[in-house]
Amino acid sequence: MTQKVETAVITGAGDGIGRALALNLNARGINIYMCDISPERLAETEALLNSSLSSVSTAIVDCGKRESIETWAQEIAKEVTTVEFLFNNAGVGYASEFRNADLDNFEWLMNINYWGVVWSTKAFLPLLEASPNGHLVNISSIFGMIGIATQSAYNSAKFAVRGFTESLQAEYLDTSLTVTCVHPGGISTNIALRARADGEHADTSAEERDASFRQVARTSPTKAAEIIMKGVLAGRKRVFIGWDAWFMQTLTKFLPTSYHRVTARMASKNNELS
């Protein structure tokens, strides 16, 4: 009897963790449906994949728009009856003290980083539920565990993703659908380079913000994808990536209401070194 080839869906596959996941899944022979808002970046990812190992389908999707995600899911449903993996990975950054925050930018981030996860999960849920071994994987962040100054929008979205995912873990307890929440620490991606900024952060260039971010983002996307897949296939409900993620998670256990003093000192020290 021929074993059914598994299918994976990845949002935000144009680079970073999304691209690394696509490469990892391709090497495993898993068919891939992937999207990104950038045609150029998505084409670069597709060019890196080996079509002899698995089939690859791409789509330009704005994960900040519900109808864009739903249309994509409907097209996929015409081709497959099940999806074994859904990676809700698409995300953007926005830095600003809340007093100076532009609420349009705040909403832009929330639509992609939180609502995009909700809309995608809802759209693909029938295909996941139809699989005898479905895996729903939502990418939160270590910023879904701790609150950081100038990151009120990002924190809001990532805490919300965590809460949403843990609620689904309760709803799908003892079913064939495994639900995993991923909390990366600093991953060396382009998120800071493309982030929006207001207030004091708007006075620095994207390149300066990117350089500062990469000083603390020491884990490669490839390593992150390896850790994610290991955790997902093991059925883990929560996956932490990087020593910084583990440290921050431990910090909140021992200093649940006073960890801000520690993170503020760490941020100050990093600024002195940059």
C-alpha atoms as a PDB file:
ATOM      1  CA  MET A   1       0.000   0.000   0.000  1.00  0.00           C
ATOM      2  CA  THR A   2       1.426   3.362  -1.015  1.00  0.00           C
ATOM      3  CA  GLN A   3       1.794   5.808   1.876  1.00  0.00           C
ATOM      4  CA  LYS A   4       0.042   9.146   1.382  1.00  0.00           C
ATOM      5  CA  VAL A   5       2.395  12.067   0.888  1.00  0.00           C
ATOM      6  CA  GLU A   6       1.888  14.667   3.594  1.00  0.00           C
ATOM      7  CA  THR A   7       1.055  18.299   2.868  1.00  0.00           C
ATOM      8  CA  ALA A   8       2.233  21.449   4.638  1.00  0.00           C
ATOM      9  CA  VAL A   9       1.050  25.060   4.439  1.00  0.00           C
ATOM     10  CA  ILE A  10       3.425  27.892   5.384  1.00  0.00           C
ATOM     11  CA  THR A  11       2.647  31.589   5.640  1.00  0.00           C
ATOM     12  CA  GLY A  12       5.445  34.156   5.339  1.00  0.00           C
ATOM     13  CA  ALA A  13       7.755  31.774   3.455  1.00  0.00           C
ATOM     14  CA  GLY A  14       9.657  34.494   1.602  1.00  0.00           C
ATOM     15  CA  ASP A  15      12.624  34.357   3.960  1.00  0.00           C
ATOM     16  CA  GLY A  16      13.607  33.817   7.592  1.00  0.00           C
ATOM     17  CA  ILE A  17      11.979  30.998   9.533  1.00  0.00           C
ATOM     18  CA  GLY A  18       9.344  30.489   6.845  1.00  0.00           C
ATOM     19  CA  ARG A  19      11.976  29.837   4.172  1.00  0.00           C
ATOM     20  CA  ALA A  20      13.932  27.558   6.511  1.00  0.00           C
ATOM     21  CA  LEU A  21      10.778  25.565   7.264  1.00  0.00           C
ATOM     22  CA  ALA A  22      10.113  25.184   3.538  1.00  0.00           C
ATOM     23  CA  LEU A  23      13.631  23.819   2.995  1.00  0.00           C
ATOM     24  CA  ASN A  24      13.280  21.455   5.964  1.00  0.00           C
ATOM     25  CA  LEU A  25       9.902  20.130   4.801  1.00  0.00           C
ATOM     26  CA  ASN A  26      11.071  19.807   1.202  1.00  0.00           C
ATOM     27  CA  ALA A  27      14.002  17.650   2.334  1.00  0.00           C
ATOM     28  CA  ARG A  28      11.500  15.408   4.153  1.00  0.00           C
ATOM     29  CA  GLY A  29       9.487  14.906   0.955  1.00  0.00           C
ATOM     30  CA  ILE A  30       6.459  16.816   2.226  1.00  0.00           C
ATOM     31  CA  ASN A  31       4.393  18.686  -0.364  1.00  0.00           C
ATOM     32  CA  ILE A  32       4.353  22.416   0.273  1.00  0.00           C
ATOM     33  CA  TYR A  33       1.889  25.243  -0.222  1.00  0.00           C
ATOM     34  CA  MET A  34       3.596  28.483   0.752  1.00  0.00           C
ATOM     35  CA  CYS A  35       2.761  32.153   0.565  1.00  0.00           C
ATOM     36  CA  ASP A  36       4.329  35.536   1.076  1.00  0.00           C
ATOM     37  CA  ILE A  37       3.386  39.140   0.330  1.00  0.00           C
ATOM     38  CA  SER A  38       6.583  39.613  -1.710  1.00  0.00           C
ATOM     39  CA  PRO A  39       6.691  37.881  -5.128  1.00  0.00           C
ATOM     40  CA  GLU A  40      10.460  38.373  -5.305  1.00  0.00           C
ATOM     41  CA  ARG A  41      11.238  36.802  -1.939  1.00  0.00           C
ATOM     42  CA  LEU A  42       8.810  33.948  -2.548  1.00  0.00           C
ATOM     43  CA  ALA A  43      10.438  33.198  -5.899  1.00  0.00           C
ATOM     44  CA  GLU A  44      13.835  33.110  -4.194  1.00  0.00           C
ATOM     45  CA  THR A  45      12.558  30.527  -1.717  1.00  0.00           C
ATOM     46  CA  GLU A  46      10.996  28.430  -4.475  1.00  0.00           C
ATOM     47  CA  ALA A  47      14.287  28.442  -6.392  1.00  0.00           C
ATOM     48  CA  LEU A  48      16.026  26.864  -3.387  1.00  0.00           C
ATOM     49  CA  LEU A  49      13.627  23.914  -3.204  1.00  0.00           C
ATOM     50  CA  ASN A  50      14.116  20.595  -4.962  1.00  0.00           C
ATOM     51  CA  SER A  51      10.988  19.821  -6.976  1.00  0.00           C
ATOM     52  CA  SER A  52      12.058  16.189  -7.315  1.00  0.00           C
ATOM     53  CA  LEU A  53      11.643  15.713  -3.566  1.00  0.00           C
ATOM     54  CA  SER A  54       8.168  17.201  -3.189  1.00  0.00           C
ATOM     55  CA  SER A  55       5.681  19.393  -5.007  1.00  0.00           C
ATOM     56  CA  VAL A  56       5.737  23.128  -4.329  1.00  0.00           C
ATOM     57  CA  SER A  57       2.935  25.647  -4.866  1.00  0.00           C
ATOM     58  CA  THR A  58       3.290  29.379  -4.239  1.00  0.00           C
ATOM     59  CA  ALA A  59       0.794  32.197  -3.794  1.00  0.00           C
ATOM     60  CA  ILE A  60       0.989  35.915  -3.127  1.00  0.00           C
ATOM     61  CA  VAL A  61      -1.067  36.429   0.027  1.00  0.00           C
ATOM     62  CA  ASP A  62      -1.454  39.437   2.316  1.00  0.00           C
ATOM     63  CA  CYS A  63      -1.827  37.835   5.743  1.00  0.00           C
ATOM     64  CA  GLY A  64      -3.163  41.133   7.069  1.00  0.00           C
ATOM     65  CA  LYS A  65      -6.302  40.680   4.967  1.00  0.00           C
ATOM     66  CA  ARG A  66      -8.859  38.016   5.832  1.00  0.00           C
ATOM     67  CA  GLU A  67     -10.194  37.606   2.298  1.00  0.00           C
ATOM     68  CA  SER A  68      -6.689  37.056   0.912  1.00  0.00           C
ATOM     69  CA  ILE A  69      -6.084  34.148   3.288  1.00  0.00           C
ATOM     70  CA  GLU A  70      -9.536  32.658   2.779  1.00  0.00           C
ATOM     71  CA  THR A  71      -9.232  32.757  -1.012  1.00  0.00           C
ATOM     72  CA  TRP A  72      -5.865  30.976  -0.810  1.00  0.00           C
ATOM     73  CA  ALA A  73      -7.275  28.296   1.495  1.00  0.00           C
ATOM     74  CA  GLN A  74     -10.227  27.731  -0.843  1.00  0.00           C
ATOM     75  CA  GLU A  75      -7.882  27.219  -3.784  1.00  0.00           C
ATOM     76  CA  ILE A  76      -5.819  24.686  -1.823  1.00  0.00           C
ATOM     77  CA  ALA A  77      -8.974  22.835  -0.747  1.00  0.00           C
ATOM     78  CA  LYS A  78      -9.747  22.222  -4.426  1.00  0.00           C
ATOM     79  CA  GLU A  79      -6.485  20.262  -4.739  1.00  0.00           C
ATOM     80  CA  VAL A  80      -6.115  18.361  -1.445  1.00  0.00           C
ATOM     81  CA  THR A  81      -8.459  16.753   1.080  1.00  0.00           C
ATOM     82  CA  THR A  82      -6.139  17.046   4.077  1.00  0.00           C
ATOM     83  CA  VAL A  83      -3.339  19.234   5.394  1.00  0.00           C
ATOM     84  CA  GLU A  84      -0.909  17.641   7.838  1.00  0.00           C
ATOM     85  CA  PHE A  85       0.990  20.790   8.833  1.00  0.00           C
ATOM     86  CA  LEU A  86      -0.075  24.432   9.067  1.00  0.00           C
ATOM     87  CA  PHE A  87       2.688  26.860  10.037  1.00  0.00           C
ATOM     88  CA  ASN A  88       1.286  30.301  10.852  1.00  0.00           C
ATOM     89  CA  ASN A  89       4.606  32.070  10.560  1.00  0.00           C
ATOM     90  CA  ALA A  90       4.006  35.416   8.797  1.00  0.00           C
ATOM     91  CA  GLY A  91       4.926  38.365  10.995  1.00  0.00           C
ATOM     92  CA  VAL A  92       6.125  41.966  11.031  1.00  0.00           C
ATOM     93  CA  GLY A  93       7.725  44.319  13.548  1.00  0.00           C
ATOM     94  CA  TYR A  94       6.845  47.755  14.879  1.00  0.00           C
ATOM     95  CA  ALA A  95       8.818  49.711  17.477  1.00  0.00           C
ATOM     96  CA  SER A  96       7.493  52.728  19.349  1.00  0.00           C
ATOM     97  CA  GLU A  97       6.805  53.949  22.843  1.00  0.00           C
ATOM     98  CA  PHE A  98       3.041  53.595  23.122  1.00  0.00           C
ATOM     99  CA  ARG A  99       2.550  57.332  23.779  1.00  0.00           C
ATOM    100  CA  ASN A 100       4.030  58.003  20.353  1.00  0.00           C
ATOM    101  CA  ALA A 101       2.492  55.032  18.560  1.00  0.00           C
ATOM    102  CA  ASP A 102       0.553  55.548  15.359  1.00  0.00           C
ATOM    103  CA  LEU A 103      -2.567  53.417  15.807  1.00  0.00           C
ATOM    104  CA  ASP A 104      -2.664  52.680  12.083  1.00  0.00           C
ATOM    105  CA  ASN A 105       0.746  51.022  12.448  1.00  0.00           C
ATOM    106  CA  PHE A 106      -0.419  49.259  15.609  1.00  0.00           C
ATOM    107  CA  GLU A 107      -3.442  47.894  13.738  1.00  0.00           C
ATOM    108  CA  TRP A 108      -1.280  46.911  10.726  1.00  0.00           C
ATOM    109  CA  LEU A 109       0.868  44.737  12.971  1.00  0.00           C
ATOM    110  CA  MET A 110      -2.085  43.223  14.828  1.00  0.00           C
ATOM    111  CA  ASN A 111      -3.816  42.305  11.577  1.00  0.00           C
ATOM    112  CA  ILE A 112      -0.789  40.328  10.378  1.00  0.00           C
ATOM    113  CA  ASN A 113       0.714  38.953  13.583  1.00  0.00           C
ATOM    114  CA  TYR A 114      -2.515  38.081  15.402  1.00  0.00           C
ATOM    115  CA  TRP A 115      -5.541  38.177  13.134  1.00  0.00           C
ATOM    116  CA  GLY A 116      -3.563  36.535  10.342  1.00  0.00           C
ATOM    117  CA  VAL A 117      -3.014  33.561  12.645  1.00  0.00           C
ATOM    118  CA  VAL A 118      -6.702  33.416  13.567  1.00  0.00           C
ATOM    119  CA  TRP A 119      -7.935  33.791   9.982  1.00  0.00           C
ATOM    120  CA  SER A 120      -5.487  31.208   8.657  1.00  0.00           C
ATOM    121  CA  THR A 121      -6.298  28.711  11.391  1.00  0.00           C
ATOM    122  CA  LYS A 122     -10.025  29.072  10.741  1.00  0.00           C
ATOM    123  CA  ALA A 123      -9.600  28.773   6.970  1.00  0.00           C
ATOM    124  CA  PHE A 124      -7.443  25.644   7.082  1.00  0.00           C
ATOM    125  CA  LEU A 125      -9.016  23.966  10.115  1.00  0.00           C
ATOM    126  CA  PRO A 126     -11.321  21.642   8.099  1.00  0.00           C
ATOM    127  CA  LEU A 127      -8.303  20.298   6.200  1.00  0.00           C
ATOM    128  CA  LEU A 128      -6.320  19.857   9.419  1.00  0.00           C
ATOM    129  CA  GLU A 129      -9.216  18.110  11.148  1.00  0.00           C
ATOM    130  CA  ALA A 130      -9.592  15.774   8.161  1.00  0.00           C
ATOM    131  CA  SER A 131      -6.028  14.537   8.615  1.00  0.00           C
ATOM    132  CA  PRO A 132      -5.382  11.594  10.967  1.00  0.00           C
ATOM    133  CA  ASN A 133      -2.206  13.348  12.132  1.00  0.00           C
ATOM    134  CA  GLY A 134      -2.667  17.094  11.753  1.00  0.00           C
ATOM    135  CA  HIS A 135      -0.275  19.633  13.265  1.00  0.00           C
ATOM    136  CA  LEU A 136      -1.243  23.263  13.850  1.00  0.00           C
ATOM    137  CA  VAL A 137       1.867  25.337  14.562  1.00  0.00           C
ATOM    138  CA  ASN A 138       1.517  28.979  15.584  1.00  0.00           C
ATOM    139  CA  ILE A 139       4.638  31.125  15.841  1.00  0.00           C
ATOM    140  CA  SER A 140       4.412  33.361  18.893  1.00  0.00           C
ATOM    141  CA  SER A 141       7.652  34.747  20.355  1.00  0.00           C
ATOM    142  CA  ILE A 142       9.523  35.078  23.600  1.00  0.00           C
ATOM    143  CA  PHE A 143       7.727  38.450  23.494  1.00  0.00           C
ATOM    144  CA  GLY A 144       4.614  36.362  24.022  1.00  0.00           C
ATOM    145  CA  MET A 145       6.039  35.564  27.476  1.00  0.00           C
ATOM    146  CA  ILE A 146       7.483  38.929  28.567  1.00  0.00           C
ATOM    147  CA  GLY A 147       6.573  42.570  28.028  1.00  0.00           C
ATOM    148  CA  ILE A 148       9.263  44.838  26.569  1.00  0.00           C
ATOM    149  CA  ALA A 149       9.363  48.629  26.296  1.00  0.00           C
ATOM    150  CA  THR A 150       8.615  49.984  22.783  1.00  0.00           C
ATOM    151  CA  GLN A 151       7.043  46.634  21.817  1.00  0.00           C
ATOM    152  CA  SER A 152       3.453  47.109  22.987  1.00  0.00           C
ATOM    153  CA  ALA A 153       2.043  46.177  19.567  1.00  0.00           C
ATOM    154  CA  TYR A 154       4.293  43.156  19.081  1.00  0.00           C
ATOM    155  CA  ASN A 155       3.761  42.028  22.670  1.00  0.00           C
ATOM    156  CA  SER A 156       0.004  42.391  22.286  1.00  0.00           C
ATOM    157  CA  ALA A 157      -0.031  40.221  19.161  1.00  0.00           C
ATOM    158  CA  LYS A 158       2.327  37.549  20.432  1.00  0.00           C
ATOM    159  CA  PHE A 159       0.650  37.255  23.839  1.00  0.00           C
ATOM    160  CA  ALA A 160      -2.648  36.947  21.949  1.00  0.00           C
ATOM    161  CA  VAL A 161      -1.249  34.216  19.705  1.00  0.00           C
ATOM    162  CA  ARG A 162      -0.097  32.351  22.795  1.00  0.00           C
ATOM    163  CA  GLY A 163      -3.514  32.634  24.456  1.00  0.00           C
ATOM    164  CA  PHE A 164      -5.329  31.661  21.268  1.00  0.00           C
ATOM    165  CA  THR A 165      -3.077  28.641  20.755  1.00  0.00           C
ATOM    166  CA  GLU A 166      -3.330  27.423  24.340  1.00  0.00           C
ATOM    167  CA  SER A 167      -7.114  27.654  24.144  1.00  0.00           C
ATOM    168  CA  LEU A 168      -7.047  25.461  21.034  1.00  0.00           C
ATOM    169  CA  GLN A 169      -4.772  23.027  22.846  1.00  0.00           C
ATOM    170  CA  ALA A 170      -7.548  22.614  25.402  1.00  0.00           C
ATOM    171  CA  GLU A 171     -10.214  22.236  22.721  1.00  0.00           C
ATOM    172  CA  TYR A 172      -8.252  19.593  20.802  1.00  0.00           C
ATOM    173  CA  LEU A 173      -6.986  17.669  23.822  1.00  0.00           C
ATOM    174  CA  ASP A 174      -6.971  13.919  23.132  1.00  0.00           C
ATOM    175  CA  THR A 175      -7.722  14.352  19.431  1.00  0.00           C
ATOM    176  CA  SER A 176      -5.638  13.630  16.345  1.00  0.00           C
ATOM    177  CA  LEU A 177      -4.811  17.336  15.928  1.00  0.00           C
ATOM    178  CA  THR A 178      -1.662  18.470  17.714  1.00  0.00           C
ATOM    179  CA  VAL A 179      -1.455  22.182  18.502  1.00  0.00           C
ATOM    180  CA  THR A 180       1.966  23.738  19.135  1.00  0.00           C
ATOM    181  CA  CYS A 181       2.933  27.261  20.191  1.00  0.00           C
ATOM    182  CA  VAL A 182       6.472  28.284  19.231  1.00  0.00           C
ATOM    183  CA  HIS A 183       8.402  30.927  21.185  1.00  0.00           C
ATOM    184  CA  PRO A 184      11.558  31.963  19.304  1.00  0.00           C
ATOM    185  CA  GLY A 185      14.142  34.138  20.970  1.00  0.00           C
ATOM    186  CA  GLY A 186      16.409  36.233  18.772  1.00  0.00           C
ATOM    187  CA  ILE A 187      16.426  34.678  15.288  1.00  0.00           C
ATOM    188  CA  SER A 188      18.660  36.218  12.638  1.00  0.00           C
ATOM    189  CA  THR A 189      15.976  37.318  10.168  1.00  0.00           C
ATOM    190  CA  ASN A 190      15.107  40.535   8.346  1.00  0.00           C
ATOM    191  CA  ILE A 191      12.159  41.410  10.587  1.00  0.00           C
ATOM    192  CA  ALA A 192      13.911  44.449  12.096  1.00  0.00           C
ATOM    193  CA  LEU A 193      15.044  45.672   8.674  1.00  0.00           C
ATOM    194  CA  ARG A 194      11.442  45.790   7.446  1.00  0.00           C
ATOM    195  CA  ALA A 195       9.844  46.910  10.700  1.00  0.00           C
ATOM    196  CA  ARG A 196       7.961  50.165  11.045  1.00  0.00           C
ATOM    197  CA  ALA A 197       8.923  52.660  13.736  1.00  0.00           C
ATOM    198  CA  ASP A 198       7.585  55.782  15.408  1.00  0.00           C
ATOM    199  CA  GLY A 199       8.736  58.057  18.205  1.00  0.00           C
ATOM    200  CA  GLU A 200      12.427  57.919  19.058  1.00  0.00           C
ATOM    201  CA  HIS A 201      12.905  54.788  16.949  1.00  0.00           C
ATOM    202  CA  ALA A 202      11.865  56.679  13.829  1.00  0.00           C
ATOM    203  CA  ASP A 203      15.059  58.750  14.160  1.00  0.00           C
ATOM    204  CA  THR A 204      17.199  55.685  13.399  1.00  0.00           C
ATOM    205  CA  SER A 205      17.482  54.064   9.983  1.00  0.00           C
ATOM    206  CA  ALA A 206      16.195  50.596   9.176  1.00  0.00           C
ATOM    207  CA  GLU A 207      19.790  49.495   8.687  1.00  0.00           C
ATOM    208  CA  GLU A 208      20.758  50.742  12.154  1.00  0.00           C
ATOM    209  CA  ARG A 209      17.828  48.950  13.755  1.00  0.00           C
ATOM    210  CA  ASP A 210      18.705  45.798  11.842  1.00  0.00           C
ATOM    211  CA  ALA A 211      22.353  45.926  12.952  1.00  0.00           C
ATOM    212  CA  SER A 212      21.317  46.389  16.579  1.00  0.00           C
ATOM    213  CA  PHE A 213      18.859  43.498  16.351  1.00  0.00           C
ATOM    214  CA  ARG A 214      21.394  41.118  14.840  1.00  0.00           C
ATOM    215  CA  GLN A 215      23.760  41.683  17.755  1.00  0.00           C
ATOM    216  CA  VAL A 216      21.314  39.810  19.979  1.00  0.00           C
ATOM    217  CA  ALA A 217      19.686  37.567  17.348  1.00  0.00           C
ATOM    218  CA  ARG A 218      22.193  34.728  17.342  1.00  0.00           C
ATOM    219  CA  THR A 219      20.095  31.728  16.245  1.00  0.00           C
ATOM    220  CA  SER A 220      19.938  30.983  12.523  1.00  0.00           C
ATOM    221  CA  PRO A 221      16.606  30.385  10.786  1.00  0.00           C
ATOM    222  CA  THR A 222      17.870  26.936   9.762  1.00  0.00           C
ATOM    223  CA  LYS A 223      18.482  25.985  13.383  1.00  0.00           C
ATOM    224  CA  ALA A 224      15.113  27.427  14.367  1.00  0.00           C
ATOM    225  CA  ALA A 225      13.351  25.290  11.754  1.00  0.00           C
ATOM    226  CA  GLU A 226      15.159  22.178  12.995  1.00  0.00           C
ATOM    227  CA  ILE A 227      14.048  22.849  16.580  1.00  0.00           C
ATOM    228  CA  ILE A 228      10.475  23.572  15.485  1.00  0.00           C
ATOM    229  CA  MET A 229      10.186  20.357  13.473  1.00  0.00           C
ATOM    230  CA  LYS A 230      11.707  18.268  16.257  1.00  0.00           C
ATOM    231  CA  GLY A 231       9.225  19.691  18.753  1.00  0.00           C
ATOM    232  CA  VAL A 232       6.226  19.455  16.432  1.00  0.00           C
ATOM    233  CA  LEU A 233       6.902  15.841  15.463  1.00  0.00           C
ATOM    234  CA  ALA A 234       7.346  14.982  19.138  1.00  0.00           C
ATOM    235  CA  GLY A 235       3.912  16.448  19.822  1.00  0.00           C
ATOM    236  CA  ARG A 236       5.131  19.206  22.132  1.00  0.00           C
ATOM    237  CA  LYS A 237       2.649  21.896  23.002  1.00  0.00           C
ATOM    238  CA  ARG A 238       5.283  24.568  23.582  1.00  0.00           C
ATOM    239  CA  VAL A 239       8.633  24.993  21.826  1.00  0.00           C
ATOM    240  CA  PHE A 240      11.319  27.477  22.877  1.00  0.00           C
ATOM    241  CA  ILE A 241      14.124  28.436  20.480  1.00  0.00           C
ATOM    242  CA  GLY A 242      17.470  29.735  21.720  1.00  0.00           C
ATOM    243  CA  TRP A 243      19.095  30.196  25.100  1.00  0.00           C
ATOM    244  CA  ASP A 244      17.564  33.667  25.344  1.00  0.00           C
ATOM    245  CA  ALA A 245      14.068  32.237  25.045  1.00  0.00           C
ATOM    246  CA  TRP A 246      14.760  29.696  27.767  1.00  0.00           C
ATOM    247  CA  PHE A 247      16.333  32.373  29.966  1.00  0.00           C
ATOM    248  CA  MET A 248      13.397  34.760  29.617  1.00  0.00           C
ATOM    249  CA  GLN A 249      10.878  31.998  30.229  1.00  0.00           C
ATOM    250  CA  THR A 250      12.742  31.003  33.402  1.00  0.00           C
ATOM    251  CA  LEU A 251      13.011  34.648  34.449  1.00  0.00           C
ATOM    252  CA  THR A 252       9.236  35.076  34.381  1.00  0.00           C
ATOM    253  CA  LYS A 253       8.838  32.044  36.643  1.00  0.00           C
ATOM    254  CA  PHE A 254      11.056  33.439  39.383  1.00  0.00           C
ATOM    255  CA  LEU A 255      10.384  37.156  38.878  1.00  0.00           C
ATOM    256  CA  PRO A 256       6.841  37.255  37.467  1.00  0.00           C
ATOM    257  CA  THR A 257       6.193  40.908  38.369  1.00  0.00           C
ATOM    258  CA  SER A 258       9.690  42.368  38.576  1.00  0.00           C
ATOM    259  CA  TYR A 259      11.571  40.943  35.577  1.00  0.00           C
ATOM    260  CA  HIS A 260      11.397  44.372  33.892  1.00  0.00           C
ATOM    261  CA  ARG A 261      14.361  45.546  35.996  1.00  0.00           C
ATOM    262  CA  VAL A 262      16.464  42.729  34.592  1.00  0.00           C
ATOM    263  CA  THR A 263      15.404  43.179  30.967  1.00  0.00           C
ATOM    264  CA  ALA A 264      15.918  46.958  31.221  1.00  0.00           C
ATOM    265  CA  ARG A 265      19.503  46.447  32.417  1.00  0.00           C
ATOM    266  CA  MET A 266      20.117  43.949  29.618  1.00  0.00           C
ATOM    267  CA  ALA A 267      18.767  46.391  27.030  1.00  0.00           C
ATOM    268  CA  SER A 268      20.916  49.199  28.443  1.00  0.00           C
ATOM    269  CA  LYS A 269      24.033  47.035  28.304  1.00  0.00           C
ATOM    270  CA  ASN A 270      23.283  46.057  24.713  1.00  0.00           C
ATOM    271  CA  ASN A 271      22.840  49.711  23.732  1.00  0.00           C
ATOM    272  CA  GLU A 272      26.241  50.514  25.252  1.00  0.00           C
ATOM    273  CA  LEU A 273      27.875  47.786  23.157  1.00  0.00           C
ATOM    274  CA  SER A 274      26.174  48.776  19.912  1.00  0.00           C
END
